[in-house]
Amino acid sequence: MTNRDLLKEIRRENKAMNRNLQRLINIGMIGMLGKMGHEAKESNDTVGRELAKIGLLLVAVSESLLMISEIIDMKKAKIEDRLEDMED
């Protein structure tokens, strides 16, 4: 394994770890926003409910972007592997 291959592998693993950390943070945010929305519903706070809904929407957008990013990286890796196979 060359240095370049090793660096590529390290970069892929770092990106995967960053995505996993972001997903864990999103899970925590879902819990906090869900609790906030529930409390706002009990106290009949319309502003709190709207903020919880908007927050949950933003978490959904964040998850979508993470998924798209992962798909793009997988396709790039597949293309790079094919190119390396053709070179050998």
N, C-alpha and C. Protein backbone atom coordinates (compact mmCIF):
# COMPACT_ATOMS: atom_id res chain seq x y z
N MET A 1 0.85 -1.17 0.00
CA MET A 1 0.00 0.00 0.00
C MET A 1 0.90 1.24 0.00
N THR A 2 0.67 2.12 -0.93
CA THR A 2 1.49 3.32 -1.04
C THR A 2 1.00 4.38 -0.05
N ASN A 3 1.81 5.40 0.11
CA ASN A 3 1.42 6.50 1.00
C ASN A 3 0.13 7.16 0.53
N ARG A 4 0.00 7.30 -0.78
CA ARG A 4 -1.19 7.93 -1.32
C ARG A 4 -2.44 7.11 -0.99
N ASP A 5 -2.35 5.80 -1.14
CA ASP A 5 -3.48 4.93 -0.81
C ASP A 5 -3.81 5.00 0.67
N LEU A 6 -2.78 5.04 1.49
CA LEU A 6 -2.98 5.12 2.93
C LEU A 6 -3.66 6.44 3.31
N LEU A 7 -3.23 7.54 2.70
CA LEU A 7 -3.84 8.83 2.98
C LEU A 7 -5.30 8.88 2.51
N LYS A 8 -5.60 8.26 1.37
CA LYS A 8 -6.98 8.20 0.89
C LYS A 8 -7.86 7.43 1.88
N GLU A 9 -7.33 6.32 2.37
CA GLU A 9 -8.09 5.50 3.31
C GLU A 9 -8.33 6.26 4.62
N ILE A 10 -7.32 6.96 5.10
CA ILE A 10 -7.46 7.75 6.33
C ILE A 10 -8.50 8.85 6.13
N ARG A 11 -8.48 9.50 4.97
CA ARG A 11 -9.44 10.56 4.68
C ARG A 11 -10.86 10.01 4.64
N ARG A 12 -11.04 8.85 4.00
CA ARG A 12 -12.37 8.23 3.97
C ARG A 12 -12.87 7.89 5.36
N GLU A 13 -11.99 7.35 6.19
CA GLU A 13 -12.39 7.00 7.55
C GLU A 13 -12.73 8.24 8.37
N ASN A 14 -11.96 9.31 8.19
CA ASN A 14 -12.25 10.55 8.91
C ASN A 14 -13.60 11.13 8.50
N LYS A 15 -13.89 11.09 7.21
CA LYS A 15 -15.18 11.59 6.74
C LYS A 15 -16.31 10.75 7.32
N ALA A 16 -16.13 9.44 7.36
CA ALA A 16 -17.15 8.56 7.91
C ALA A 16 -17.36 8.83 9.40
N MET A 17 -16.28 9.03 10.13
CA MET A 17 -16.41 9.34 11.56
C MET A 17 -17.12 10.67 11.77
N ASN A 18 -16.80 11.67 10.95
CA ASN A 18 -17.47 12.97 11.07
C ASN A 18 -18.97 12.85 10.80
N ARG A 19 -19.32 12.06 9.80
CA ARG A 19 -20.74 11.86 9.51
C ARG A 19 -21.44 11.15 10.67
N ASN A 20 -20.78 10.16 11.25
CA ASN A 20 -21.38 9.44 12.37
C ASN A 20 -21.56 10.35 13.57
N LEU A 21 -20.59 11.21 13.84
CA LEU A 21 -20.73 12.17 14.94
C LEU A 21 -21.88 13.12 14.67
N GLN A 22 -22.01 13.59 13.45
CA GLN A 22 -23.11 14.48 13.10
C GLN A 22 -24.45 13.78 13.29
N ARG A 23 -24.51 12.50 12.93
CA ARG A 23 -25.76 11.75 13.11
C ARG A 23 -26.09 11.60 14.59
N LEU A 24 -25.09 11.36 15.43
CA LEU A 24 -25.33 11.27 16.87
C LEU A 24 -25.84 12.60 17.42
N ILE A 25 -25.26 13.70 16.96
CA ILE A 25 -25.72 15.01 17.38
C ILE A 25 -27.16 15.23 16.94
N ASN A 26 -27.48 14.82 15.72
CA ASN A 26 -28.85 14.97 15.22
C ASN A 26 -29.84 14.16 16.05
N ILE A 27 -29.44 12.98 16.50
CA ILE A 27 -30.31 12.18 17.36
C ILE A 27 -30.59 12.91 18.66
N GLY A 28 -29.54 13.51 19.24
CA GLY A 28 -29.73 14.30 20.46
C GLY A 28 -30.63 15.50 20.23
N MET A 29 -30.46 16.14 19.08
CA MET A 29 -31.30 17.30 18.75
C MET A 29 -32.76 16.88 18.58
N ILE A 30 -33.00 15.72 17.98
CA ILE A 30 -34.37 15.23 17.83
C ILE A 30 -35.01 15.05 19.20
N GLY A 31 -34.26 14.47 20.13
CA GLY A 31 -34.78 14.29 21.49
C GLY A 31 -35.09 15.61 22.17
N MET A 32 -34.15 16.55 22.08
CA MET A 32 -34.36 17.86 22.72
C MET A 32 -35.54 18.61 22.10
N LEU A 33 -35.58 18.62 20.78
CA LEU A 33 -36.67 19.34 20.10
C LEU A 33 -38.02 18.66 20.33
N GLY A 34 -38.02 17.33 20.39
CA GLY A 34 -39.26 16.61 20.69
C GLY A 34 -39.78 16.94 22.08
N LYS A 35 -38.87 16.99 23.05
CA LYS A 35 -39.26 17.34 24.42
C LYS A 35 -39.75 18.78 24.48
N MET A 36 -39.04 19.67 23.77
CA MET A 36 -39.44 21.07 23.74
C MET A 36 -40.83 21.22 23.11
N GLY A 37 -41.07 20.49 22.02
CA GLY A 37 -42.38 20.55 21.37
C GLY A 37 -43.48 20.01 22.25
N HIS A 38 -43.19 18.94 22.98
CA HIS A 38 -44.18 18.36 23.89
C HIS A 38 -44.52 19.34 25.02
N GLU A 39 -43.49 19.97 25.59
CA GLU A 39 -43.72 20.95 26.66
C GLU A 39 -44.49 22.16 26.13
N ALA A 40 -44.18 22.58 24.92
CA ALA A 40 -44.88 23.72 24.32
C ALA A 40 -46.35 23.36 24.06
N LYS A 41 -46.58 22.12 23.67
CA LYS A 41 -47.96 21.68 23.42
C LYS A 41 -48.76 21.67 24.71
N GLU A 42 -48.14 21.19 25.80
CA GLU A 42 -48.83 21.15 27.09
C GLU A 42 -49.16 22.54 27.62
N SER A 43 -48.24 23.49 27.40
CA SER A 43 -48.46 24.85 27.90
C SER A 43 -49.15 25.74 26.87
N ASN A 44 -49.55 25.16 25.73
CA ASN A 44 -50.24 25.88 24.65
C ASN A 44 -49.41 27.06 24.14
N ASP A 45 -48.12 26.81 23.96
CA ASP A 45 -47.19 27.82 23.46
C ASP A 45 -47.00 27.62 21.96
N THR A 46 -47.63 28.48 21.16
CA THR A 46 -47.57 28.30 19.71
C THR A 46 -46.18 28.60 19.16
N VAL A 47 -45.49 29.58 19.73
CA VAL A 47 -44.15 29.92 19.25
C VAL A 47 -43.19 28.76 19.52
N GLY A 48 -43.28 28.16 20.68
CA GLY A 48 -42.43 27.02 21.02
C GLY A 48 -42.67 25.84 20.10
N ARG A 49 -43.94 25.60 19.78
CA ARG A 49 -44.25 24.50 18.86
C ARG A 49 -43.68 24.76 17.48
N GLU A 50 -43.80 25.99 17.00
CA GLU A 50 -43.26 26.33 15.69
C GLU A 50 -41.74 26.20 15.66
N LEU A 51 -41.09 26.64 16.73
CA LEU A 51 -39.63 26.51 16.81
C LEU A 51 -39.21 25.04 16.81
N ALA A 52 -39.94 24.21 17.51
CA ALA A 52 -39.64 22.78 17.54
C ALA A 52 -39.82 22.17 16.15
N LYS A 53 -40.87 22.55 15.46
CA LYS A 53 -41.12 22.03 14.11
C LYS A 53 -40.01 22.46 13.16
N ILE A 54 -39.63 23.74 13.23
CA ILE A 54 -38.57 24.25 12.35
C ILE A 54 -37.25 23.54 12.66
N GLY A 55 -36.96 23.35 13.95
CA GLY A 55 -35.74 22.65 14.34
C GLY A 55 -35.71 21.23 13.81
N LEU A 56 -36.83 20.53 13.92
CA LEU A 56 -36.91 19.15 13.41
C LEU A 56 -36.77 19.12 11.89
N LEU A 57 -37.31 20.14 11.22
CA LEU A 57 -37.15 20.23 9.77
C LEU A 57 -35.67 20.42 9.40
N LEU A 58 -34.97 21.26 10.15
CA LEU A 58 -33.56 21.48 9.90
C LEU A 58 -32.73 20.22 10.15
N VAL A 59 -33.10 19.45 11.15
CA VAL A 59 -32.41 18.19 11.41
C VAL A 59 -32.64 17.23 10.24
N ALA A 60 -33.86 17.21 9.71
CA ALA A 60 -34.15 16.35 8.56
C ALA A 60 -33.32 16.78 7.34
N VAL A 61 -33.18 18.09 7.13
CA VAL A 61 -32.36 18.58 6.02
C VAL A 61 -30.91 18.18 6.23
N SER A 62 -30.43 18.29 7.46
CA SER A 62 -29.05 17.91 7.77
C SER A 62 -28.82 16.43 7.48
N GLU A 63 -29.75 15.59 7.86
CA GLU A 63 -29.63 14.16 7.59
C GLU A 63 -29.64 13.87 6.09
N SER A 64 -30.47 14.60 5.36
CA SER A 64 -30.52 14.43 3.91
C SER A 64 -29.18 14.79 3.27
N LEU A 65 -28.60 15.90 3.71
CA LEU A 65 -27.31 16.32 3.18
C LEU A 65 -26.21 15.32 3.52
N LEU A 66 -26.27 14.75 4.72
CA LEU A 66 -25.30 13.72 5.09
C LEU A 66 -25.43 12.50 4.18
N MET A 67 -26.66 12.11 3.90
CA MET A 67 -26.88 10.96 3.03
C MET A 67 -26.37 11.24 1.62
N ILE A 68 -26.67 12.41 1.09
CA ILE A 68 -26.21 12.76 -0.25
C ILE A 68 -24.69 12.79 -0.30
N SER A 69 -24.07 13.35 0.72
CA SER A 69 -22.62 13.41 0.79
C SER A 69 -22.01 12.01 0.81
N GLU A 70 -22.63 11.12 1.54
CA GLU A 70 -22.13 9.75 1.62
C GLU A 70 -22.27 9.03 0.27
N ILE A 71 -23.38 9.24 -0.40
CA ILE A 71 -23.58 8.62 -1.71
C ILE A 71 -22.55 9.12 -2.71
N ILE A 72 -22.30 10.43 -2.70
CA ILE A 72 -21.31 11.01 -3.61
C ILE A 72 -19.93 10.44 -3.33
N ASP A 73 -19.55 10.33 -2.05
CA ASP A 73 -18.24 9.78 -1.71
C ASP A 73 -18.12 8.32 -2.12
N MET A 74 -19.20 7.56 -1.98
CA MET A 74 -19.16 6.15 -2.38
C MET A 74 -18.97 6.03 -3.89
N LYS A 75 -19.65 6.89 -4.65
CA LYS A 75 -19.50 6.85 -6.10
C LYS A 75 -18.10 7.27 -6.51
N LYS A 76 -17.55 8.29 -5.85
CA LYS A 76 -16.18 8.71 -6.15
C LYS A 76 -15.19 7.59 -5.87
N ALA A 77 -15.36 6.92 -4.74
CA ALA A 77 -14.46 5.83 -4.39
C ALA A 77 -14.55 4.70 -5.41
N LYS A 78 -15.76 4.40 -5.87
CA LYS A 78 -15.94 3.34 -6.86
C LYS A 78 -15.25 3.72 -8.17
N ILE A 79 -15.39 4.97 -8.59
CA ILE A 79 -14.75 5.43 -9.82
C ILE A 79 -13.23 5.39 -9.68
N GLU A 80 -12.71 5.85 -8.54
CA GLU A 80 -11.26 5.82 -8.31
C GLU A 80 -10.72 4.40 -8.34
N ASP A 81 -11.46 3.47 -7.75
CA ASP A 81 -11.03 2.08 -7.76
C ASP A 81 -10.99 1.52 -9.18
N ARG A 82 -12.00 1.87 -9.97
CA ARG A 82 -12.02 1.40 -11.36
C ARG A 82 -10.84 1.96 -12.14
N LEU A 83 -10.55 3.24 -11.93
CA LEU A 83 -9.42 3.87 -12.63
C LEU A 83 -8.10 3.23 -12.23
N GLU A 84 -7.95 2.93 -10.94
CA GLU A 84 -6.72 2.27 -10.48
C GLU A 84 -6.60 0.87 -11.07
N ASP A 85 -7.71 0.17 -11.19
CA ASP A 85 -7.68 -1.18 -11.78
C ASP A 85 -7.29 -1.11 -13.26
N MET A 86 -7.75 -0.08 -13.95
CA MET A 86 -7.41 0.07 -15.35
C MET A 86 -5.93 0.42 -15.54
N GLU A 87 -5.38 1.17 -14.59
CA GLU A 87 -3.98 1.54 -14.68
C GLU A 87 -3.06 0.34 -14.44
N ASP A 88 -3.50 -0.57 -13.59
CA ASP A 88 -2.66 -1.74 -13.27
C ASP A 88 -2.70 -2.73 -14.35
